[in-house]
Amino acid sequence: MELFEAIATRRSVGKVKEDSIPKETIEQILEAGTWAPNHRLTEPWRFFVMSGEGRGKLGDAYYRIAMEGAASPGSEESVAAAEAAKKKALRAPVIIAVAAVPSDRKMVIEIEEYGAVYAAVQNMLLASHALGLGAIWRTGEPCYHPIMNEAFGLRLQDRVLGLIYLGNPEGPAPAGRRESAASKTVWID
């Protein structure tokens, strides 16, 4: 797939089949992530690939976060909500948690470490699309919760920046739409 075509046609695909994905394909996607630009070559990204029963680690984290935030943790409603949150880990056959592990070297600016990890995620999404897979990058409050860090053995200062849900698409990707670059650009001569 040609680069500009991949950029313009990549879409978030949330509905995927349960078919397994070959490890070699996942490794290609991970390698694409490692080629993201990053200042001082700190390579601040960490990837946690979950499939099969391994998705239970994420499901357990979702469950614990939901129970911690519940108004009445022992209630039937809270348990049902936590069980529903736990099932989010089963929405795709492969889930890649992507975390930023900022360097503590001098001269490293923390926000640039996050930027590098976001660039890695974009590379991974484009690689997934080029390989014919459906992918969606999910974020939200549970990603940033300390329980999520604990689930993946991350330090307090580290941060899970999102989860890439990956699989063979169930159907065609939705049509995309964007405003033109011209509508968002100021030329300064």
N, C-alpha and C. Protein backbone atom coordinates (compact mmCIF):
# COMPACT_ATOMS: atom_id res chain seq x y z
N MET A 1 0.85 -1.18 0.00
CA MET A 1 0.00 0.00 0.00
C MET A 1 0.90 1.24 0.00
N GLU A 2 0.57 2.17 -0.82
CA GLU A 2 1.33 3.41 -0.93
C GLU A 2 1.07 4.26 0.31
N LEU A 3 2.10 4.98 0.77
CA LEU A 3 2.06 5.71 2.04
C LEU A 3 0.88 6.67 2.15
N PHE A 4 0.70 7.55 1.18
CA PHE A 4 -0.36 8.55 1.29
C PHE A 4 -1.74 7.91 1.23
N GLU A 5 -1.86 6.82 0.50
CA GLU A 5 -3.12 6.07 0.48
C GLU A 5 -3.39 5.48 1.87
N ALA A 6 -2.36 4.92 2.49
CA ALA A 6 -2.52 4.33 3.83
C ALA A 6 -2.95 5.39 4.83
N ILE A 7 -2.34 6.56 4.78
CA ILE A 7 -2.68 7.64 5.70
C ILE A 7 -4.13 8.07 5.50
N ALA A 8 -4.55 8.22 4.24
CA ALA A 8 -5.89 8.73 3.95
C ALA A 8 -6.98 7.68 4.14
N THR A 9 -6.65 6.40 4.08
CA THR A 9 -7.69 5.37 4.17
C THR A 9 -7.72 4.62 5.50
N ARG A 10 -6.77 4.85 6.38
CA ARG A 10 -6.78 4.18 7.67
C ARG A 10 -7.93 4.70 8.51
N ARG A 11 -8.68 3.79 9.10
CA ARG A 11 -9.80 4.15 9.95
C ARG A 11 -9.77 3.31 11.21
N SER A 12 -10.40 3.77 12.24
CA SER A 12 -10.58 2.97 13.44
C SER A 12 -11.62 1.90 13.15
N VAL A 13 -11.24 0.66 13.38
CA VAL A 13 -12.13 -0.47 13.13
C VAL A 13 -12.36 -1.17 14.47
N GLY A 14 -13.54 -1.01 15.01
CA GLY A 14 -13.83 -1.57 16.32
C GLY A 14 -14.40 -2.97 16.29
N LYS A 15 -14.98 -3.37 15.17
CA LYS A 15 -15.56 -4.71 15.09
C LYS A 15 -14.63 -5.61 14.28
N VAL A 16 -14.05 -6.57 15.00
CA VAL A 16 -13.12 -7.50 14.36
C VAL A 16 -13.51 -8.94 14.69
N LYS A 17 -13.05 -9.86 13.86
CA LYS A 17 -13.31 -11.29 14.06
C LYS A 17 -12.37 -11.84 15.13
N GLU A 18 -12.72 -12.97 15.68
CA GLU A 18 -11.91 -13.60 16.72
C GLU A 18 -10.75 -14.41 16.14
N ASP A 19 -10.56 -14.40 14.82
CA ASP A 19 -9.46 -15.16 14.20
C ASP A 19 -8.14 -14.75 14.83
N SER A 20 -7.26 -15.75 15.00
CA SER A 20 -5.94 -15.43 15.54
C SER A 20 -5.11 -14.69 14.50
N ILE A 21 -4.13 -13.99 14.97
CA ILE A 21 -3.21 -13.25 14.11
C ILE A 21 -1.83 -13.84 14.30
N PRO A 22 -1.14 -14.17 13.21
CA PRO A 22 0.20 -14.77 13.36
C PRO A 22 1.15 -13.87 14.14
N LYS A 23 1.97 -14.48 14.97
CA LYS A 23 2.93 -13.75 15.79
C LYS A 23 3.85 -12.88 14.92
N GLU A 24 4.22 -13.38 13.75
CA GLU A 24 5.11 -12.64 12.85
C GLU A 24 4.46 -11.33 12.41
N THR A 25 3.15 -11.35 12.20
CA THR A 25 2.43 -10.14 11.80
C THR A 25 2.44 -9.14 12.94
N ILE A 26 2.20 -9.61 14.15
CA ILE A 26 2.22 -8.72 15.32
C ILE A 26 3.62 -8.13 15.50
N GLU A 27 4.63 -8.94 15.29
CA GLU A 27 6.01 -8.45 15.41
C GLU A 27 6.31 -7.36 14.38
N GLN A 28 5.76 -7.49 13.17
CA GLN A 28 5.94 -6.43 12.16
C GLN A 28 5.33 -5.12 12.65
N ILE A 29 4.17 -5.21 13.25
CA ILE A 29 3.47 -4.03 13.76
C ILE A 29 4.28 -3.39 14.90
N LEU A 30 4.80 -4.21 15.78
CA LEU A 30 5.62 -3.69 16.88
C LEU A 30 6.88 -3.02 16.36
N GLU A 31 7.53 -3.64 15.38
CA GLU A 31 8.74 -3.05 14.80
C GLU A 31 8.45 -1.70 14.17
N ALA A 32 7.29 -1.58 13.52
CA ALA A 32 6.91 -0.28 12.94
C ALA A 32 6.84 0.78 14.04
N GLY A 33 6.33 0.39 15.19
CA GLY A 33 6.26 1.33 16.31
C GLY A 33 7.62 1.81 16.76
N THR A 34 8.60 0.93 16.72
CA THR A 34 9.94 1.30 17.22
C THR A 34 10.66 2.28 16.31
N TRP A 35 10.14 2.52 15.12
CA TRP A 35 10.79 3.46 14.20
C TRP A 35 10.22 4.87 14.31
N ALA A 36 9.43 5.11 15.34
CA ALA A 36 8.92 6.47 15.56
C ALA A 36 10.07 7.39 15.94
N PRO A 37 9.96 8.67 15.58
CA PRO A 37 11.01 9.61 15.98
C PRO A 37 10.95 9.85 17.49
N ASN A 38 12.14 10.03 18.08
CA ASN A 38 12.19 10.37 19.50
C ASN A 38 13.50 11.06 19.80
N HIS A 39 13.40 12.15 20.56
CA HIS A 39 14.58 12.93 20.92
C HIS A 39 15.52 12.10 21.76
N ARG A 40 16.80 12.25 21.49
CA ARG A 40 17.85 11.61 22.28
C ARG A 40 17.79 10.09 22.24
N LEU A 41 17.03 9.56 21.28
CA LEU A 41 16.92 8.11 21.08
C LEU A 41 16.64 7.36 22.38
N THR A 42 15.71 7.87 23.15
CA THR A 42 15.37 7.25 24.43
C THR A 42 14.47 6.02 24.27
N GLU A 43 13.77 5.92 23.14
CA GLU A 43 12.84 4.82 22.87
C GLU A 43 11.95 4.54 24.08
N PRO A 44 11.09 5.52 24.44
CA PRO A 44 10.32 5.44 25.68
C PRO A 44 9.11 4.51 25.63
N TRP A 45 8.87 3.82 24.54
CA TRP A 45 7.69 2.97 24.40
C TRP A 45 7.90 1.59 25.00
N ARG A 46 6.82 1.04 25.50
CA ARG A 46 6.79 -0.35 25.95
C ARG A 46 5.49 -0.93 25.43
N PHE A 47 5.57 -2.17 24.96
CA PHE A 47 4.42 -2.83 24.37
C PHE A 47 4.09 -4.09 25.17
N PHE A 48 2.83 -4.30 25.45
CA PHE A 48 2.36 -5.48 26.16
C PHE A 48 1.31 -6.14 25.27
N VAL A 49 1.66 -7.26 24.67
CA VAL A 49 0.79 -7.94 23.71
C VAL A 49 -0.02 -9.01 24.44
N MET A 50 -1.33 -8.89 24.34
CA MET A 50 -2.22 -9.83 25.02
C MET A 50 -3.11 -10.53 24.00
N SER A 51 -3.19 -11.85 24.11
CA SER A 51 -4.10 -12.63 23.29
C SER A 51 -4.56 -13.82 24.11
N GLY A 52 -5.58 -14.50 23.63
CA GLY A 52 -6.09 -15.67 24.34
C GLY A 52 -6.38 -15.34 25.80
N GLU A 53 -5.93 -16.23 26.69
CA GLU A 53 -6.13 -16.03 28.13
C GLU A 53 -5.35 -14.83 28.66
N GLY A 54 -4.32 -14.41 27.94
CA GLY A 54 -3.52 -13.26 28.37
C GLY A 54 -4.33 -11.98 28.46
N ARG A 55 -5.46 -11.92 27.74
CA ARG A 55 -6.32 -10.73 27.81
C ARG A 55 -6.97 -10.59 29.18
N GLY A 56 -6.93 -11.67 29.96
CA GLY A 56 -7.49 -11.64 31.30
C GLY A 56 -6.80 -10.63 32.20
N LYS A 57 -5.51 -10.41 31.96
CA LYS A 57 -4.76 -9.40 32.73
C LYS A 57 -5.42 -8.03 32.58
N LEU A 58 -5.76 -7.69 31.35
CA LEU A 58 -6.43 -6.41 31.09
C LEU A 58 -7.84 -6.42 31.66
N GLY A 59 -8.56 -7.53 31.47
CA GLY A 59 -9.91 -7.64 32.00
C GLY A 59 -9.95 -7.46 33.51
N ASP A 60 -8.99 -8.06 34.19
CA ASP A 60 -8.92 -7.92 35.65
C ASP A 60 -8.67 -6.47 36.05
N ALA A 61 -7.81 -5.78 35.29
CA ALA A 61 -7.54 -4.37 35.59
C ALA A 61 -8.80 -3.54 35.38
N TYR A 62 -9.51 -3.77 34.26
CA TYR A 62 -10.77 -3.06 34.01
C TYR A 62 -11.75 -3.29 35.16
N TYR A 63 -11.85 -4.54 35.60
CA TYR A 63 -12.77 -4.90 36.68
C TYR A 63 -12.42 -4.15 37.97
N ARG A 64 -11.16 -4.21 38.35
CA ARG A 64 -10.72 -3.56 39.60
C ARG A 64 -10.94 -2.05 39.55
N ILE A 65 -10.65 -1.44 38.39
CA ILE A 65 -10.84 0.01 38.26
C ILE A 65 -12.32 0.36 38.39
N ALA A 66 -13.18 -0.43 37.76
CA ALA A 66 -14.62 -0.18 37.83
C ALA A 66 -15.13 -0.33 39.27
N MET A 67 -14.65 -1.35 39.97
CA MET A 67 -15.09 -1.55 41.36
C MET A 67 -14.59 -0.43 42.27
N GLU A 68 -13.38 0.03 42.03
CA GLU A 68 -12.84 1.12 42.85
C GLU A 68 -13.65 2.40 42.68
N GLY A 69 -14.15 2.62 41.48
CA GLY A 69 -14.91 3.84 41.20
C GLY A 69 -16.39 3.72 41.46
N ALA A 70 -16.84 2.54 41.87
CA ALA A 70 -18.27 2.33 42.08
C ALA A 70 -18.77 3.08 43.31
N ALA A 71 -19.98 3.59 43.22
CA ALA A 71 -20.59 4.31 44.34
C ALA A 71 -20.83 3.36 45.51
N SER A 72 -21.31 2.17 45.21
CA SER A 72 -21.51 1.15 46.26
C SER A 72 -20.92 -0.16 45.74
N PRO A 73 -19.62 -0.37 46.01
CA PRO A 73 -18.86 -1.47 45.44
C PRO A 73 -19.45 -2.88 45.58
N GLY A 74 -20.21 -3.16 46.60
CA GLY A 74 -20.76 -4.50 46.77
C GLY A 74 -22.10 -4.72 46.10
N SER A 75 -22.69 -3.65 45.57
CA SER A 75 -24.04 -3.75 45.03
C SER A 75 -24.08 -4.57 43.74
N GLU A 76 -25.25 -5.08 43.46
CA GLU A 76 -25.47 -5.88 42.25
C GLU A 76 -25.15 -5.06 40.99
N GLU A 77 -25.55 -3.79 41.01
CA GLU A 77 -25.31 -2.91 39.86
C GLU A 77 -23.81 -2.69 39.65
N SER A 78 -23.08 -2.49 40.73
CA SER A 78 -21.64 -2.25 40.62
C SER A 78 -20.92 -3.48 40.11
N VAL A 79 -21.31 -4.64 40.59
CA VAL A 79 -20.69 -5.89 40.13
C VAL A 79 -21.00 -6.10 38.65
N ALA A 80 -22.24 -5.83 38.24
CA ALA A 80 -22.62 -5.99 36.83
C ALA A 80 -21.82 -5.02 35.96
N ALA A 81 -21.65 -3.79 36.42
CA ALA A 81 -20.88 -2.80 35.65
C ALA A 81 -19.41 -3.22 35.56
N ALA A 82 -18.86 -3.75 36.64
CA ALA A 82 -17.47 -4.20 36.64
C ALA A 82 -17.29 -5.40 35.72
N GLU A 83 -18.26 -6.31 35.70
CA GLU A 83 -18.20 -7.46 34.79
C GLU A 83 -18.26 -7.00 33.33
N ALA A 84 -19.09 -6.00 33.05
CA ALA A 84 -19.16 -5.45 31.69
C ALA A 84 -17.83 -4.80 31.31
N ALA A 85 -17.22 -4.09 32.25
CA ALA A 85 -15.92 -3.48 31.97
C ALA A 85 -14.88 -4.56 31.69
N LYS A 86 -14.93 -5.64 32.43
CA LYS A 86 -13.98 -6.75 32.25
C LYS A 86 -14.06 -7.33 30.85
N LYS A 87 -15.26 -7.39 30.29
CA LYS A 87 -15.48 -7.96 28.95
C LYS A 87 -14.86 -7.11 27.84
N LYS A 88 -14.50 -5.86 28.15
CA LYS A 88 -13.86 -5.02 27.14
C LYS A 88 -12.55 -5.63 26.65
N ALA A 89 -11.95 -6.47 27.49
CA ALA A 89 -10.68 -7.10 27.13
C ALA A 89 -10.87 -8.23 26.12
N LEU A 90 -12.10 -8.53 25.78
CA LEU A 90 -12.37 -9.63 24.84
C LEU A 90 -12.91 -9.12 23.51
N ARG A 91 -12.81 -7.82 23.25
CA ARG A 91 -13.38 -7.24 22.02
C ARG A 91 -12.52 -7.49 20.79
N ALA A 92 -11.32 -8.02 20.98
CA ALA A 92 -10.43 -8.30 19.85
C ALA A 92 -9.53 -9.47 20.24
N PRO A 93 -9.05 -10.23 19.24
CA PRO A 93 -8.19 -11.37 19.57
C PRO A 93 -6.81 -10.96 20.08
N VAL A 94 -6.38 -9.76 19.72
CA VAL A 94 -5.08 -9.25 20.18
C VAL A 94 -5.26 -7.82 20.65
N ILE A 95 -4.70 -7.54 21.80
CA ILE A 95 -4.71 -6.17 22.33
C ILE A 95 -3.27 -5.84 22.70
N ILE A 96 -2.84 -4.69 22.25
CA ILE A 96 -1.49 -4.23 22.58
C ILE A 96 -1.62 -2.98 23.46
N ALA A 97 -1.21 -3.12 24.72
CA ALA A 97 -1.15 -1.95 25.59
C ALA A 97 0.15 -1.23 25.27
N VAL A 98 0.06 0.07 25.05
CA VAL A 98 1.23 0.87 24.71
C VAL A 98 1.46 1.86 25.84
N ALA A 99 2.66 1.80 26.41
CA ALA A 99 2.97 2.64 27.56
C ALA A 99 4.17 3.53 27.28
N ALA A 100 4.19 4.66 27.95
CA ALA A 100 5.35 5.56 27.93
C ALA A 100 6.12 5.35 29.22
N VAL A 101 7.41 5.08 29.06
CA VAL A 101 8.31 4.95 30.20
C VAL A 101 9.35 6.05 30.03
N PRO A 102 9.03 7.26 30.54
CA PRO A 102 9.92 8.39 30.32
C PRO A 102 11.31 8.17 30.89
N SER A 103 12.30 8.62 30.13
CA SER A 103 13.68 8.52 30.58
C SER A 103 13.92 9.53 31.69
N ASP A 104 14.77 9.16 32.62
CA ASP A 104 15.12 10.12 33.67
C ASP A 104 16.50 10.73 33.41
N ARG A 105 16.97 10.59 32.16
CA ARG A 105 18.24 11.22 31.79
C ARG A 105 18.08 12.74 31.76
N LYS A 106 19.16 13.43 32.05
CA LYS A 106 19.15 14.90 31.96
C LYS A 106 18.85 15.30 30.52
N MET A 107 18.26 16.45 30.37
CA MET A 107 17.97 17.06 29.08
C MET A 107 16.80 16.40 28.35
N VAL A 108 16.14 15.41 28.96
CA VAL A 108 14.99 14.78 28.34
C VAL A 108 13.74 15.49 28.86
N ILE A 109 12.91 15.95 27.93
CA ILE A 109 11.68 16.65 28.28
C ILE A 109 10.54 15.63 28.25
N GLU A 110 9.86 15.48 29.38
CA GLU A 110 8.87 14.41 29.54
C GLU A 110 7.79 14.42 28.46
N ILE A 111 7.26 15.57 28.11
CA ILE A 111 6.19 15.63 27.13
C ILE A 111 6.66 15.10 25.77
N GLU A 112 7.93 15.26 25.47
CA GLU A 112 8.46 14.74 24.21
C GLU A 112 8.50 13.21 24.22
N GLU A 113 8.64 12.62 25.40
CA GLU A 113 8.60 11.17 25.52
C GLU A 113 7.19 10.67 25.15
N TYR A 114 6.17 11.37 25.63
CA TYR A 114 4.80 11.00 25.29
C TYR A 114 4.56 11.17 23.79
N GLY A 115 5.06 12.26 23.25
CA GLY A 115 4.91 12.49 21.81
C GLY A 115 5.51 11.36 20.99
N ALA A 116 6.65 10.86 21.41
CA ALA A 116 7.30 9.76 20.71
C ALA A 116 6.44 8.50 20.76
N VAL A 117 5.83 8.25 21.90
CA VAL A 117 4.98 7.06 22.03
C VAL A 117 3.72 7.22 21.18
N TYR A 118 3.16 8.42 21.13
CA TYR A 118 2.00 8.64 20.27
C TYR A 118 2.38 8.42 18.80
N ALA A 119 3.57 8.85 18.42
CA ALA A 119 4.04 8.61 17.05
C ALA A 119 4.20 7.10 16.80
N ALA A 120 4.67 6.36 17.80
CA ALA A 120 4.80 4.91 17.67
C ALA A 120 3.43 4.28 17.44
N VAL A 121 2.42 4.76 18.17
CA VAL A 121 1.06 4.24 18.00
C VAL A 121 0.58 4.48 16.57
N GLN A 122 0.82 5.67 16.04
CA GLN A 122 0.39 5.96 14.67
C GLN A 122 1.09 5.04 13.68
N ASN A 123 2.39 4.82 13.87
CA ASN A 123 3.10 3.87 13.00
C ASN A 123 2.46 2.49 13.06
N MET A 124 2.10 2.06 14.26
CA MET A 124 1.51 0.74 14.45
C MET A 124 0.13 0.66 13.80
N LEU A 125 -0.65 1.72 13.90
CA LEU A 125 -1.97 1.72 13.26
C LEU A 125 -1.85 1.70 11.75
N LEU A 126 -0.90 2.46 11.21
CA LEU A 126 -0.69 2.44 9.76
C LEU A 126 -0.18 1.08 9.29
N ALA A 127 0.72 0.47 10.05
CA ALA A 127 1.23 -0.86 9.69
C ALA A 127 0.10 -1.88 9.72
N SER A 128 -0.75 -1.81 10.74
CA SER A 128 -1.89 -2.73 10.84
C SER A 128 -2.78 -2.60 9.61
N HIS A 129 -3.06 -1.37 9.24
CA HIS A 129 -3.90 -1.11 8.07
C HIS A 129 -3.24 -1.63 6.80
N ALA A 130 -1.96 -1.37 6.64
CA ALA A 130 -1.25 -1.84 5.44
C ALA A 130 -1.23 -3.37 5.36
N LEU A 131 -1.30 -4.04 6.49
CA LEU A 131 -1.31 -5.50 6.53
C LEU A 131 -2.73 -6.07 6.43
N GLY A 132 -3.71 -5.19 6.23
CA GLY A 132 -5.09 -5.63 6.03
C GLY A 132 -5.86 -5.91 7.30
N LEU A 133 -5.34 -5.50 8.43
CA LEU A 133 -6.00 -5.73 9.71
C LEU A 133 -6.85 -4.53 10.11
N GLY A 134 -7.80 -4.79 10.96
CA GLY A 134 -8.59 -3.73 11.56
C GLY A 134 -8.00 -3.40 12.92
N ALA A 135 -7.95 -2.14 13.25
CA ALA A 135 -7.39 -1.73 14.54
C ALA A 135 -8.10 -0.48 15.03
N ILE A 136 -8.16 -0.39 16.33
CA ILE A 136 -8.68 0.83 16.95
C ILE A 136 -7.83 1.13 18.18
N TRP A 137 -7.51 2.38 18.35
CA TRP A 137 -6.72 2.85 19.48
C TRP A 137 -7.70 3.36 20.53
N ARG A 138 -7.77 2.69 21.66
CA ARG A 138 -8.70 3.09 22.72
C ARG A 138 -7.91 3.70 23.87
N THR A 139 -8.45 4.80 24.37
CA THR A 139 -7.85 5.48 25.52
C THR A 139 -8.95 5.69 26.55
N GLY A 140 -8.76 6.59 27.45
CA GLY A 140 -9.78 6.90 28.44
C GLY A 140 -9.23 6.73 29.84
N GLU A 141 -10.03 7.15 30.80
CA GLU A 141 -9.59 7.18 32.20
C GLU A 141 -8.99 5.87 32.70
N PRO A 142 -9.56 4.69 32.38
CA PRO A 142 -8.95 3.46 32.89
C PRO A 142 -7.48 3.30 32.48
N CYS A 143 -7.13 3.77 31.29
CA CYS A 143 -5.73 3.66 30.84
C CYS A 143 -4.78 4.37 31.79
N TYR A 144 -5.21 5.49 32.32
CA TYR A 144 -4.32 6.34 33.11
C TYR A 144 -4.40 6.03 34.61
N HIS A 145 -5.19 5.06 34.98
CA HIS A 145 -5.38 4.71 36.39
C HIS A 145 -4.17 3.94 36.93
N PRO A 146 -3.77 4.18 38.17
CA PRO A 146 -2.63 3.45 38.76
C PRO A 146 -2.78 1.92 38.72
N ILE A 147 -4.01 1.42 38.76
CA ILE A 147 -4.22 -0.03 38.67
C ILE A 147 -3.73 -0.57 37.32
N MET A 148 -3.90 0.22 36.27
CA MET A 148 -3.42 -0.20 34.94
C MET A 148 -1.90 -0.29 34.96
N ASN A 149 -1.23 0.68 35.55
CA ASN A 149 0.23 0.61 35.68
C ASN A 149 0.63 -0.64 36.44
N GLU A 150 -0.05 -0.89 37.53
CA GLU A 150 0.24 -2.07 38.35
C GLU A 150 0.09 -3.36 37.54
N ALA A 151 -0.97 -3.43 36.73
CA ALA A 151 -1.23 -4.63 35.93
C ALA A 151 -0.07 -4.98 35.01
N PHE A 152 0.61 -3.95 34.52
CA PHE A 152 1.70 -4.17 33.57
C PHE A 152 3.08 -3.98 34.18
N GLY A 153 3.14 -3.87 35.50
CA GLY A 153 4.43 -3.76 36.18
C GLY A 153 5.15 -2.47 35.89
N LEU A 154 4.39 -1.40 35.68
CA LEU A 154 4.98 -0.10 35.38
C LEU A 154 5.17 0.71 36.66
N ARG A 155 6.11 1.65 36.59
CA ARG A 155 6.36 2.54 37.72
C ARG A 155 5.25 3.58 37.80
N LEU A 156 5.19 4.27 38.93
CA LEU A 156 4.19 5.30 39.13
C LEU A 156 4.30 6.41 38.08
N GLN A 157 5.53 6.77 37.68
CA GLN A 157 5.73 7.86 36.72
C GLN A 157 5.50 7.44 35.27
N ASP A 158 5.32 6.14 35.03
CA ASP A 158 5.05 5.65 33.68
C ASP A 158 3.56 5.83 33.38
N ARG A 159 3.18 5.63 32.14
CA ARG A 159 1.79 5.85 31.78
C ARG A 159 1.38 4.96 30.61
N VAL A 160 0.29 4.20 30.80
CA VAL A 160 -0.33 3.51 29.67
C VAL A 160 -1.04 4.59 28.87
N LEU A 161 -0.67 4.74 27.60
CA LEU A 161 -1.25 5.81 26.78
C LEU A 161 -2.39 5.32 25.89
N GLY A 162 -2.58 4.02 25.85
CA GLY A 162 -3.69 3.52 25.06
C GLY A 162 -3.56 2.03 24.80
N LEU A 163 -4.63 1.50 24.25
CA LEU A 163 -4.73 0.08 23.93
C LEU A 163 -5.08 -0.04 22.46
N ILE A 164 -4.30 -0.81 21.72
CA ILE A 164 -4.62 -1.06 20.32
C ILE A 164 -5.32 -2.40 20.24
N TYR A 165 -6.60 -2.37 19.88
CA TYR A 165 -7.38 -3.58 19.67
C TYR A 165 -7.20 -3.97 18.21
N LEU A 166 -6.84 -5.21 17.96
CA LEU A 166 -6.36 -5.64 16.65
C LEU A 166 -7.02 -6.94 16.21
N GLY A 167 -7.47 -7.00 14.97
CA GLY A 167 -8.04 -8.23 14.43
C GLY A 167 -8.36 -8.08 12.95
N ASN A 168 -8.92 -9.14 12.40
CA ASN A 168 -9.39 -9.09 11.02
C ASN A 168 -10.74 -8.39 11.01
N PRO A 169 -10.90 -7.37 10.17
CA PRO A 169 -12.13 -6.59 10.20
C PRO A 169 -13.36 -7.43 9.84
N GLU A 170 -14.48 -7.16 10.52
CA GLU A 170 -15.74 -7.85 10.22
C GLU A 170 -16.37 -7.33 8.94
N GLY A 171 -16.10 -6.10 8.59
CA GLY A 171 -16.70 -5.52 7.40
C GLY A 171 -15.83 -4.38 6.91
N PRO A 172 -16.34 -3.64 5.94
CA PRO A 172 -15.56 -2.51 5.42
C PRO A 172 -15.41 -1.41 6.46
N ALA A 173 -14.31 -0.70 6.37
CA ALA A 173 -14.06 0.43 7.27
C ALA A 173 -15.01 1.57 6.91
N PRO A 174 -15.39 2.36 7.89
CA PRO A 174 -16.26 3.50 7.61
C PRO A 174 -15.54 4.53 6.74
N ALA A 175 -16.32 5.31 6.03
CA ALA A 175 -15.74 6.37 5.21
C ALA A 175 -15.14 7.43 6.13
N GLY A 176 -14.07 8.02 5.68
CA GLY A 176 -13.42 9.05 6.46
C GLY A 176 -13.80 10.43 5.99
N ARG A 177 -13.62 11.38 6.86
CA ARG A 177 -13.82 12.78 6.47
C ARG A 177 -12.95 13.65 7.36
N ARG A 178 -12.34 14.61 6.76
CA ARG A 178 -11.50 15.56 7.47
C ARG A 178 -11.67 16.91 6.78
N GLU A 179 -11.48 17.95 7.56
CA GLU A 179 -11.39 19.27 6.94
C GLU A 179 -10.05 19.36 6.25
N SER A 180 -9.96 20.19 5.26
CA SER A 180 -8.71 20.32 4.52
C SER A 180 -7.62 20.93 5.39
N ALA A 181 -6.41 20.61 5.07
CA ALA A 181 -5.27 21.20 5.78
C ALA A 181 -5.30 22.72 5.64
N ALA A 182 -5.76 23.20 4.49
CA ALA A 182 -5.81 24.64 4.26
C ALA A 182 -6.69 25.35 5.29
N SER A 183 -7.73 24.67 5.76
CA SER A 183 -8.63 25.31 6.74
C SER A 183 -8.01 25.38 8.12
N LYS A 184 -6.90 24.70 8.33
CA LYS A 184 -6.24 24.66 9.64
C LYS A 184 -4.82 25.26 9.60
N THR A 185 -4.49 25.89 8.48
CA THR A 185 -3.10 26.32 8.27
C THR A 185 -3.00 27.84 8.13
N VAL A 186 -1.99 28.39 8.77
CA VAL A 186 -1.64 29.79 8.58
C VAL A 186 -0.25 29.82 7.98
N TRP A 187 -0.10 30.43 6.83
CA TRP A 187 1.20 30.56 6.17
C TRP A 187 1.84 31.86 6.64
N ILE A 188 3.04 31.78 7.11
CA ILE A 188 3.76 32.96 7.59
C ILE A 188 5.01 33.13 6.72
N ASP A 189 4.99 34.14 5.87
CA ASP A 189 6.12 34.37 4.95
C ASP A 189 7.00 35.49 5.44
